[in-house]
C-alpha cells in the first residue's frame, strides 16, 4: 500500500472535549478484521458521510451498510466548526446576478436543516439545537459596505432581516465594539460534535460503524469496490466518499482542493460575576461582514468562542506552537471586544481543516461506476455537506428529485491547481493580503 496522509487533528477541540457524558465515545466499538462484505460502503463520518449513511439505511432497511471513519465520529472537521447551520448563501454563493441559482442554494440549505432537525427531535439528541438566527457584524467602514451589499442581496431574494445599531447590538452580545449588524432568522446554532455523536448513536440497526479505522487504499475490482484498512478489507458494489480534502488521498480529484485550516478558541464558562459584567444574552452567533474577520459565539453554558486566522496546511495539521501563537491572537480579539472579561481564560484552542477550490465549485456526483463523491464545500459544510450526503445516497439508489437536480446544477468540478511550491506561495500570499485589508474587522 502506498503511504497516504491521514487525519492528524489536535486533541484540544472544545466541542469534542465538552461532550455530554451520554455522547462521549465508549470503549466498546466495532473492530474491523479480515474480509468484510457489505451492500453499501460509506467512507468518512462527517456531515456528508453521516447523512448518506442515514439516508441509505432509510431507503434500504434490509441492506447491510458499513460506515468507516479514521477518527471518532465528531472528532474531525465536522465537530470543529463554529456550530452554525446557515440557511442563506454567503461567500462565493452570492456572486453573480442569477437569483434563481441563489434560491436553489437556499432551498438546499433549508432542506439540510429540516433533515437534521427531524433527527434531533425524534432521537432527542442533546446538542443545544437552537433556532437563534445569525448576526453578521461590522466594525469598520469596510464592514459596513459589506453589510450594505448584503442588504441589497437579501431584498432581491425577498428574505427578512433586521438592522441592529451599536446600542441594540450591545444589549444582545455585550460589546459596543461593533457599529452595526444584520440579523437573519433562519440559521440554526448547535454543538457540532454533540450533533454528530448523537446522529451516530441513533443510526438504524442495519448500519455498522467502524471508528478509528482509516482507509489506506481504495480500488475497484470487477464489479466491487475494495477498501483496505490496517487489519481488514471491506468490499461493496457501491461506495460513497464523504472524505472532503482526504478524497485526493484515495486517488480522486487530485490537485483540485486547497487544504485550509481555520482556528477557534473557547473560554471556560463565565462565572456569575463575569456574566453580570457581560450583561447580555447567551446562545447567539455572529459572523463577520468581512469574510476574513472574526466569528463569535456565546454558548448556552456561558462560554465565548472566537474564530479567526487561516493557514495553508498541505499536511492537513497544525503544530502546538502554531496553536499557541494563534491563541494569543484570539485573546487579543476577545479583550478588544470584552475588556471587562480580560481574566477569562481559554480552555481550548483548536484547528479544523477544510477544502477550498480555486473556482469556488463543489463536487457532487458519480465519479466512477459505483463510486459517488461529494466534497470541497468551501467552508460551508454543515448545511451543504448534510444535504449533499442525503441526495448522494438517493442518487446512488436510482432516485431523482428537484433538490437532487438543484445540487447537480450548483455543483461542478474544482479547477486544477498549480503545482507546489507555486500553490503554497500563492495561497499564503492571498491569506496575508486578506488579513491586511480586513485587519480592522479582526
Protein backbone atom coordinates (compact mmCIF):
# COMPACT_ATOMS: atom_id res chain seq x y z
CA UNK A 1 0.00 0.00 0.00
CA UNK A 2 1.26 3.49 -0.79
CA UNK A 3 1.54 5.84 2.16
CA UNK A 4 -1.21 8.43 2.37
CA UNK A 5 -1.90 11.40 4.62
CA UNK A 6 -4.38 10.63 7.38
CA UNK A 7 -6.23 12.94 9.77
CA UNK A 8 -3.83 14.34 12.36
CA UNK A 9 -6.08 16.66 14.33
CA UNK A 10 -5.09 18.13 17.68
CA UNK A 11 -6.81 16.80 20.79
CA UNK A 12 -7.96 20.19 22.06
CA UNK A 13 -11.27 20.75 20.26
CA UNK A 14 -13.56 22.33 22.84
CA UNK A 15 -16.72 20.92 21.33
CA UNK A 16 -15.43 17.34 21.48
CA UNK A 17 -13.83 17.70 24.91
CA UNK A 18 -17.01 19.10 26.47
CA UNK A 19 -19.40 16.49 25.07
CA UNK A 20 -22.23 15.40 27.37
CA UNK A 21 -21.27 12.17 29.09
CA UNK A 22 -24.01 10.30 27.25
CA UNK A 23 -22.40 11.18 23.91
CA UNK A 24 -18.74 10.60 24.71
CA UNK A 25 -17.17 7.74 22.74
CA UNK A 26 -17.33 4.45 24.60
CA UNK A 27 -14.59 1.84 24.77
CA UNK A 28 -16.85 -0.76 23.17
CA UNK A 29 -16.90 -0.32 19.41
CA UNK A 30 -16.81 -2.47 16.31
CA UNK A 31 -13.35 -3.81 15.42
CA UNK A 32 -12.52 -4.45 11.77
CA UNK A 33 -10.57 -7.61 10.95
CA UNK A 34 -10.47 -9.88 7.94
CA UNK A 35 -12.65 -9.64 4.84
CA UNK A 36 -15.99 -7.90 5.38
CA UNK A 37 -18.68 -7.73 2.69
CA UNK A 38 -21.38 -5.07 2.68
CA UNK A 39 -24.15 -3.91 0.40
CA UNK A 40 -23.07 -0.30 0.78
CA UNK A 41 -19.85 1.27 1.99
CA UNK A 42 -19.58 4.86 3.21
CA UNK A 43 -16.13 6.28 3.91
CA UNK A 44 -15.97 9.35 6.15
CA UNK A 45 -18.35 10.03 9.04
CA UNK A 46 -18.70 13.80 8.79
CA UNK A 47 -21.72 15.72 7.57
CA UNK A 48 -21.69 14.10 4.12
CA UNK A 49 -21.00 10.56 5.27
CA UNK A 50 -23.39 10.61 8.20
CA UNK A 51 -26.27 11.97 6.12
CA UNK A 52 -25.54 9.48 3.34
CA UNK A 53 -25.44 6.58 5.80
CA UNK A 54 -28.68 7.62 7.44
CA UNK A 55 -30.46 8.01 4.11
CA UNK A 56 -29.18 4.68 2.75
CA UNK A 57 -30.47 2.95 5.88
CA UNK A 58 -33.88 4.56 5.38
CA UNK A 59 -34.03 3.60 1.70
CA UNK A 60 -32.63 0.07 2.12
CA UNK A 61 -33.74 -1.27 5.51
CA UNK A 62 -32.70 -4.84 4.62
CA UNK A 63 -29.23 -3.88 3.35
CA UNK A 64 -26.00 -4.10 5.32
CA UNK A 65 -24.42 -0.63 5.38
CA UNK A 66 -20.89 -0.05 6.68
CA UNK A 67 -19.55 3.37 7.72
CA UNK A 68 -15.80 3.82 8.19
CA UNK A 69 -14.14 6.79 9.85
CA UNK A 70 -10.48 7.42 10.56
CA UNK A 71 -11.28 9.02 13.93
CA UNK A 72 -14.10 9.05 16.43
CA UNK A 73 -17.26 10.44 14.87
CA UNK A 74 -17.38 14.15 15.71
CA UNK A 75 -13.65 14.38 16.36
CA UNK A 76 -12.72 15.55 12.87
CA UNK A 77 -13.70 18.56 10.81
CA UNK A 78 -17.47 18.13 11.29
CA UNK A 79 -17.02 18.65 15.05
CA UNK A 80 -14.60 21.56 14.68
CA UNK A 81 -16.71 24.29 13.07
CA UNK A 82 -18.32 27.19 14.90
CA UNK A 83 -21.68 25.48 15.26
CA UNK A 84 -23.72 27.33 12.60
CA UNK A 85 -26.03 25.65 10.10
CA UNK A 86 -26.58 28.55 7.74
CA UNK A 87 -29.63 28.74 5.51
CA UNK A 88 -28.77 31.81 3.46
CA UNK A 89 -25.95 31.56 0.93
CA UNK A 90 -22.82 33.52 1.64
CA UNK A 91 -19.28 33.97 0.35
CA UNK A 92 -18.99 32.72 -3.25
CA UNK A 93 -22.60 31.52 -3.36
CA UNK A 94 -23.67 35.16 -3.58
CA UNK A 95 -21.51 36.03 -6.58
CA UNK A 96 -23.38 36.87 -9.77
CA UNK A 97 -26.83 38.08 -10.67
CA UNK A 98 -28.58 34.72 -11.01
CA UNK A 99 -31.31 34.99 -8.34
CA UNK A 100 -32.72 31.57 -9.22
CA UNK A 101 -29.34 29.94 -8.57
CA UNK A 102 -29.13 31.59 -5.17
CA UNK A 103 -32.63 30.42 -4.33
CA UNK A 104 -31.56 26.86 -5.14
CA UNK A 105 -28.76 27.19 -2.60
CA UNK A 106 -31.28 28.40 -0.02
CA UNK A 107 -33.64 25.50 -0.75
CA UNK A 108 -30.80 23.01 -0.35
CA UNK A 109 -29.57 24.56 2.89
CA UNK A 110 -33.04 24.65 4.42
CA UNK A 111 -33.67 21.05 3.40
CA UNK A 112 -30.50 20.16 5.31
CA UNK A 113 -31.76 21.96 8.41
CA UNK A 114 -35.11 20.17 8.17
CA UNK A 115 -33.44 16.77 7.76
CA UNK A 116 -31.20 17.27 10.77
CA UNK A 117 -33.96 18.77 12.90
CA UNK A 118 -36.16 15.72 12.30
CA UNK A 119 -33.38 13.53 13.70
CA UNK A 120 -32.62 15.81 16.64
CA UNK A 121 -36.27 15.92 17.70
CA UNK A 122 -37.06 12.25 17.06
CA UNK A 123 -33.96 10.94 18.82
CA UNK A 124 -33.79 13.72 21.44
CA UNK A 125 -30.16 14.48 20.65
CA UNK A 126 -28.58 16.68 23.30
CA UNK A 127 -26.71 19.14 21.05
CA UNK A 128 -28.11 22.55 22.09
CA UNK A 129 -30.11 22.79 18.85
CA UNK A 130 -31.38 26.35 18.70
CA UNK A 131 -33.26 28.46 16.14
CA UNK A 132 -31.33 31.54 17.24
CA UNK A 133 -30.70 33.01 13.81
CA UNK A 134 -27.43 34.68 12.90
CA UNK A 135 -25.85 38.09 13.29
CA UNK A 136 -23.46 39.49 10.74
CA UNK A 137 -21.39 42.21 12.35
CA UNK A 138 -19.31 45.13 11.04
CA UNK A 139 -16.63 47.13 12.83
CA UNK A 140 -15.25 49.48 10.16
CA UNK A 141 -16.41 51.36 7.08
CA UNK A 142 -15.25 48.38 5.04
CA UNK A 143 -17.50 46.09 7.06
CA UNK A 144 -20.45 48.47 6.72
CA UNK A 145 -20.05 48.39 2.94
CA UNK A 146 -20.26 44.59 3.03
CA UNK A 147 -23.44 44.81 5.11
CA UNK A 148 -24.97 47.34 2.73
CA UNK A 149 -24.30 44.96 -0.16
CA UNK A 150 -25.75 42.04 1.79
CA UNK A 151 -28.94 44.03 2.45
CA UNK A 152 -29.37 44.55 -1.29
CA UNK A 153 -29.00 40.82 -1.87
CA UNK A 154 -31.49 39.96 0.86
CA UNK A 155 -34.04 42.34 -0.60
CA UNK A 156 -33.57 40.80 -4.06
CA UNK A 157 -34.16 37.37 -2.55
CA UNK A 158 -37.19 38.52 -0.55
CA UNK A 159 -35.57 37.40 2.70
CA UNK A 160 -36.40 39.02 6.06
CA UNK A 161 -33.68 40.75 8.06
CA UNK A 162 -33.25 43.29 10.83
CA UNK A 163 -30.61 46.02 11.09
CA UNK A 164 -29.17 46.50 14.59
CA UNK A 165 -27.20 49.61 15.51
CA UNK A 166 -24.37 49.51 18.01
CA UNK A 167 -26.61 50.13 21.05
CA UNK A 168 -29.14 47.43 20.13
CA UNK A 169 -26.34 45.00 19.35
CA UNK A 170 -24.63 45.64 22.68
CA UNK A 171 -27.77 44.57 24.54
CA UNK A 172 -27.61 41.24 22.72
CA UNK A 173 -23.88 40.47 22.59
CA UNK A 174 -22.45 42.56 25.43
CA UNK A 175 -19.98 44.71 23.50
CA UNK A 176 -20.00 48.12 21.81
CA UNK A 177 -17.14 47.03 19.54
CA UNK A 178 -19.41 46.63 16.51
CA UNK A 179 -21.00 49.54 14.69
CA UNK A 180 -23.79 47.59 13.04
CA UNK A 181 -25.14 44.12 12.40
CA UNK A 182 -27.72 42.37 10.26
CA UNK A 183 -29.85 39.70 11.89
CA UNK A 184 -31.36 36.92 9.77
CA UNK A 185 -33.66 34.41 11.49
CA UNK A 186 -33.15 31.13 9.60
CA UNK A 187 -29.77 29.96 10.90
CA UNK A 188 -29.60 27.16 13.48
CA UNK A 189 -26.93 27.03 16.20
CA UNK A 190 -25.79 23.75 17.71
CA UNK A 191 -22.94 21.90 19.39
CA UNK A 192 -21.41 20.22 16.31
CA UNK A 193 -19.55 17.34 17.96
CA UNK A 194 -22.63 16.51 20.05
CA UNK A 195 -24.82 16.60 16.93
CA UNK A 196 -22.54 14.20 15.09
CA UNK A 197 -22.24 11.84 18.07
CA UNK A 198 -26.00 11.90 18.57
CA UNK A 199 -26.75 11.09 14.95
CA UNK A 200 -24.20 8.27 15.06
CA UNK A 201 -25.66 6.76 18.23
CA UNK A 202 -29.13 6.68 16.65
CA UNK A 203 -28.32 5.15 13.27
CA UNK A 204 -30.60 2.23 12.28
CA UNK A 205 -29.65 -1.32 13.22
CA UNK A 206 -28.63 -2.24 9.68
CA UNK A 207 -25.64 0.12 9.92
CA UNK A 208 -22.27 -0.94 11.35
CA UNK A 209 -19.89 1.89 12.24
CA UNK A 210 -16.14 1.33 12.49
CA UNK A 211 -14.44 4.28 14.18
CA UNK A 212 -10.66 4.82 14.30
CA UNK A 213 -10.47 2.74 11.11
CA UNK A 214 -8.71 4.79 8.42
CA UNK A 215 -8.92 3.59 4.84
CA UNK A 216 -5.43 3.19 3.40
CA UNK A 217 -6.33 2.19 -0.14
CA UNK A 218 -9.43 2.17 -2.33
CA UNK A 219 -9.69 0.32 -5.65
CA UNK A 220 -12.28 -1.20 -7.95
CA UNK A 221 -12.00 -4.88 -8.77
CA UNK A 222 -14.50 -6.24 -11.27
CA UNK A 223 -17.89 -5.02 -10.01
CA UNK A 224 -16.95 -4.38 -6.38
CA UNK A 225 -15.03 -1.65 -4.58
CA UNK A 226 -12.37 -2.70 -2.08
CA UNK A 227 -11.35 -0.51 0.85
CA UNK A 228 -8.31 -1.69 2.76
CA UNK A 229 -7.57 -0.72 6.35
CA UNK A 230 -4.75 -1.87 8.63
CA UNK A 231 -6.39 -5.17 9.56
CA UNK A 232 -9.35 -5.56 7.20
CA UNK A 233 -10.59 -5.46 3.64
CA UNK A 234 -14.12 -4.16 3.04
CA UNK A 235 -15.97 -4.74 -0.21
CA UNK A 236 -19.23 -3.42 -1.63
CA UNK A 237 -20.72 -2.80 -5.08
CA UNK A 238 -21.24 0.89 -4.30
CA UNK A 239 -19.20 3.35 -2.26
CA UNK A 240 -19.95 6.88 -1.08
CA UNK A 241 -16.98 9.09 -0.20
CA UNK A 242 -17.55 11.80 2.39
CA UNK A 243 -13.84 12.38 2.85
CA UNK A 244 -13.55 16.01 1.68
CA UNK A 245 -9.86 17.02 1.43
CA UNK A 246 -8.81 13.39 2.02
CA UNK A 247 -10.61 12.36 -1.18
CA UNK A 248 -7.42 13.13 -3.10
CA UNK A 249 -5.51 10.74 -0.83
CA UNK A 250 -7.78 7.96 -2.08
CA UNK A 251 -6.92 8.81 -5.69
CA UNK A 252 -9.70 11.17 -6.76
CA UNK A 253 -9.85 14.89 -7.61
CA UNK A 254 -6.12 15.24 -7.04
CA UNK A 255 -4.61 18.74 -7.20
CA UNK A 256 -8.05 20.36 -7.18
CA UNK A 257 -8.60 21.17 -3.49
CA UNK A 258 -6.77 23.65 -1.28
CA UNK A 259 -6.34 22.50 2.34
CA UNK A 260 -7.05 25.44 4.62
CA UNK A 261 -7.18 25.27 8.40
CA UNK A 262 -9.29 27.66 10.46
CA UNK A 263 -8.79 28.11 14.20
CA UNK A 264 -11.03 28.72 17.19
CA UNK A 265 -10.65 29.20 20.94
CA UNK A 266 -13.24 28.53 23.66
CA UNK A 267 -13.26 30.09 27.11
CA UNK A 268 -14.21 28.45 30.34
CA UNK A 269 -17.81 29.22 31.40
CA UNK A 270 -18.28 32.74 32.76
CA UNK A 271 -18.92 32.82 36.49
CA UNK A 272 -21.84 34.81 37.90
CA UNK A 273 -19.81 38.00 38.47
CA UNK A 274 -18.35 37.86 34.96
CA UNK A 275 -21.73 37.18 33.43
CA UNK A 276 -23.16 40.19 35.30
CA UNK A 277 -20.35 42.35 33.90
CA UNK A 278 -21.01 40.95 30.43
CA UNK A 279 -24.70 41.96 30.84
CA UNK A 280 -26.14 40.45 27.67
CA UNK A 281 -27.69 37.27 26.25
CA UNK A 282 -26.45 33.72 25.81
CA UNK A 283 -26.90 31.43 22.80
CA UNK A 284 -26.07 33.67 19.87
CA UNK A 285 -23.69 33.57 16.92
CA UNK A 286 -22.07 36.39 14.95
CA UNK A 287 -20.18 36.02 11.68
CA UNK A 288 -18.08 38.84 10.21
CA UNK A 289 -19.38 41.08 7.46
CA UNK A 290 -15.86 40.89 6.03
CA UNK A 291 -15.08 37.23 5.41
CA UNK A 292 -11.57 37.41 6.89
CA UNK A 293 -12.91 38.90 10.13
CA UNK A 294 -13.80 37.27 13.44
CA UNK A 295 -16.63 34.86 14.18
CA UNK A 296 -18.07 34.94 17.72
CA UNK A 297 -20.28 32.53 19.63
CA UNK A 298 -21.78 32.72 23.10
CA UNK A 299 -22.99 29.28 24.11
CA UNK A 300 -25.90 28.42 26.34
CA UNK A 301 -23.46 27.47 29.12
CA UNK A 302 -21.76 30.91 29.02
CA UNK A 303 -18.66 30.08 27.01
CA UNK A 304 -17.35 32.58 24.44
CA UNK A 305 -15.81 31.25 21.24
CA UNK A 306 -13.52 33.28 18.98
CA UNK A 307 -12.68 32.10 15.48
CA UNK A 308 -10.26 33.77 13.10
CA UNK A 309 -6.87 33.07 11.49
CA UNK A 310 -6.43 30.88 8.43
CA UNK A 311 -3.45 28.79 7.37
CA UNK A 312 -2.48 26.78 4.30
CA UNK A 313 -1.83 23.25 5.61
CA UNK A 314 -0.50 20.86 2.95
CA UNK A 315 -0.12 18.20 5.67
CA UNK A 316 -3.66 18.86 6.97
CA UNK A 317 -2.40 19.60 10.50
CA UNK A 318 -1.05 22.32 12.79
CA UNK A 319 1.62 22.37 15.48
CA UNK A 320 1.20 23.08 19.18
CA UNK A 321 3.40 26.16 18.78
CA UNK A 322 1.22 27.48 15.96
CA UNK A 323 -1.96 27.00 18.01
CA UNK A 324 -0.32 28.70 21.00
CA UNK A 325 0.53 31.73 18.88
CA UNK A 326 -2.98 31.82 17.45
CA UNK A 327 -4.45 31.57 20.96
CA UNK A 328 -2.69 34.86 21.77
CA UNK A 329 -4.29 36.46 18.72
CA UNK A 330 -7.67 35.16 19.82
CA UNK A 331 -7.02 36.56 23.29
CA UNK A 332 -6.38 40.00 21.77
CA UNK A 333 -9.60 39.79 19.73
CA UNK A 334 -11.55 38.81 22.85
CA UNK A 335 -10.05 41.59 25.00
CA UNK A 336 -10.77 44.18 22.32
CA UNK A 337 -14.43 43.23 22.43
CA UNK A 338 -14.78 42.40 26.12
CA UNK A 339 -12.20 44.29 28.21
CA UNK A 340 -14.29 43.51 31.32
CA UNK A 341 -13.54 39.80 30.74
CA UNK A 342 -9.75 40.06 30.41
CA UNK A 343 -9.24 37.48 33.18
CA UNK A 344 -11.38 34.82 31.50
CA UNK A 345 -9.05 32.11 30.19
CA UNK A 346 -9.36 29.95 27.13
CA UNK A 347 -9.86 26.29 27.94
CA UNK A 348 -9.29 25.12 24.37
CA UNK A 349 -7.74 26.23 21.07
CA UNK A 350 -8.06 24.01 18.01
CA UNK A 351 -7.84 23.88 14.26
CA UNK A 352 -10.05 22.27 11.64
CA UNK A 353 -9.11 21.62 8.04
CA UNK A 354 -11.48 22.32 5.17
CA UNK A 355 -11.19 22.13 1.40
CA UNK A 356 -11.47 25.16 -0.87
CA UNK A 357 -11.45 25.25 -4.65
CA UNK A 358 -9.91 27.93 -6.81
CA UNK A 359 -13.12 28.39 -8.80
CA UNK A 360 -15.35 28.13 -5.69
CA UNK A 361 -17.01 24.98 -7.01
CA UNK A 362 -18.02 21.86 -5.11
CA UNK A 363 -18.06 18.35 -6.50
CA UNK A 364 -21.18 16.16 -6.40
CA UNK A 365 -21.95 13.02 -8.35
CA UNK A 366 -20.85 9.62 -9.61
CA UNK A 367 -17.12 9.83 -10.22
CA UNK A 368 -16.75 6.27 -11.50
CA UNK A 369 -19.28 3.43 -11.82
CA UNK A 370 -20.42 2.70 -8.28
CA UNK A 371 -18.30 5.48 -6.71
CA UNK A 372 -20.17 8.57 -5.52
CA UNK A 373 -18.44 11.66 -4.13
CA UNK A 374 -19.41 14.95 -2.56
CA UNK A 375 -16.58 17.21 -1.40
CA UNK A 376 -14.94 20.63 -1.41
CA UNK A 377 -17.79 22.62 0.14
CA UNK A 378 -15.67 25.75 0.56
CA UNK A 379 -16.19 26.21 4.28
CA UNK A 380 -19.98 25.77 4.39
CA UNK A 381 -20.07 22.06 5.08
CA UNK A 382 -22.71 21.76 7.81
CA UNK A 383 -25.63 22.50 5.51
CA UNK A 384 -24.10 21.67 2.13
CA UNK A 385 -22.46 18.52 3.40
CA UNK A 386 -25.62 17.25 5.05
CA UNK A 387 -27.92 17.77 2.12
CA UNK A 388 -25.38 16.57 -0.45
CA UNK A 389 -24.84 13.38 1.56
CA UNK A 390 -28.57 12.71 1.67
CA UNK A 391 -29.00 13.45 -2.03
CA UNK A 392 -25.94 11.42 -2.98
CA UNK A 393 -27.47 8.39 -1.25
CA UNK A 394 -30.68 8.96 -3.21
CA UNK A 395 -28.78 9.33 -6.49
CA UNK A 396 -26.81 6.15 -5.82
CA UNK A 397 -30.13 4.40 -5.16
CA UNK A 398 -31.57 5.48 -8.51
CA UNK A 399 -33.74 8.27 -7.13
CA UNK A 400 -34.50 11.68 -8.56
CA UNK A 401 -35.92 14.91 -7.14
CA UNK A 402 -35.94 18.66 -7.63
CA UNK A 403 -33.39 19.02 -4.84
CA UNK A 404 -31.11 16.48 -6.48
CA UNK A 405 -31.27 18.38 -9.73
CA UNK A 406 -30.59 21.63 -7.85
CA UNK A 407 -27.48 20.07 -6.33
CA UNK A 408 -26.21 18.92 -9.70
CA UNK A 409 -26.86 22.37 -11.19
CA UNK A 410 -24.96 24.28 -8.48
CA UNK A 411 -22.04 21.84 -8.43
CA UNK A 412 -19.27 21.20 -10.92
CA UNK A 413 -15.59 20.32 -10.90
CA UNK A 414 -12.98 22.18 -8.86
CA UNK A 415 -10.39 23.66 -11.21
CA UNK A 416 -6.90 22.20 -11.39
CA UNK A 417 -4.36 23.89 -9.12
CA UNK A 418 -0.78 24.90 -9.88
CA UNK A 419 1.92 22.60 -8.51
CA UNK A 420 3.95 23.21 -5.38
CA UNK A 421 5.72 25.40 -4.43
CA UNK A 422 3.73 27.88 -6.55
CA UNK A 423 0.46 26.80 -4.91
CA UNK A 424 1.72 27.33 -1.37
CA UNK A 425 3.26 30.68 -2.22
CA UNK A 426 0.10 31.91 -3.89
CA UNK A 427 -2.29 30.75 -1.17
CA UNK A 428 -0.16 32.10 1.68
CA UNK A 429 0.19 35.44 -0.10
CA UNK A 430 -3.55 35.66 -0.63
CA UNK A 431 -4.21 34.88 3.05
CA UNK A 432 -1.75 37.61 4.12
CA UNK A 433 -3.38 40.15 1.81
CA UNK A 434 -6.85 39.24 3.13
CA UNK A 435 -5.63 39.60 6.72
CA UNK A 436 -4.18 43.01 5.93
CA UNK A 437 -7.20 44.51 4.16
CA UNK A 438 -9.54 43.05 6.80
CA UNK A 439 -7.43 43.91 9.85
CA UNK A 440 -9.98 46.38 11.19
CA UNK A 441 -12.58 43.57 11.37
CA UNK A 442 -10.40 41.03 13.20
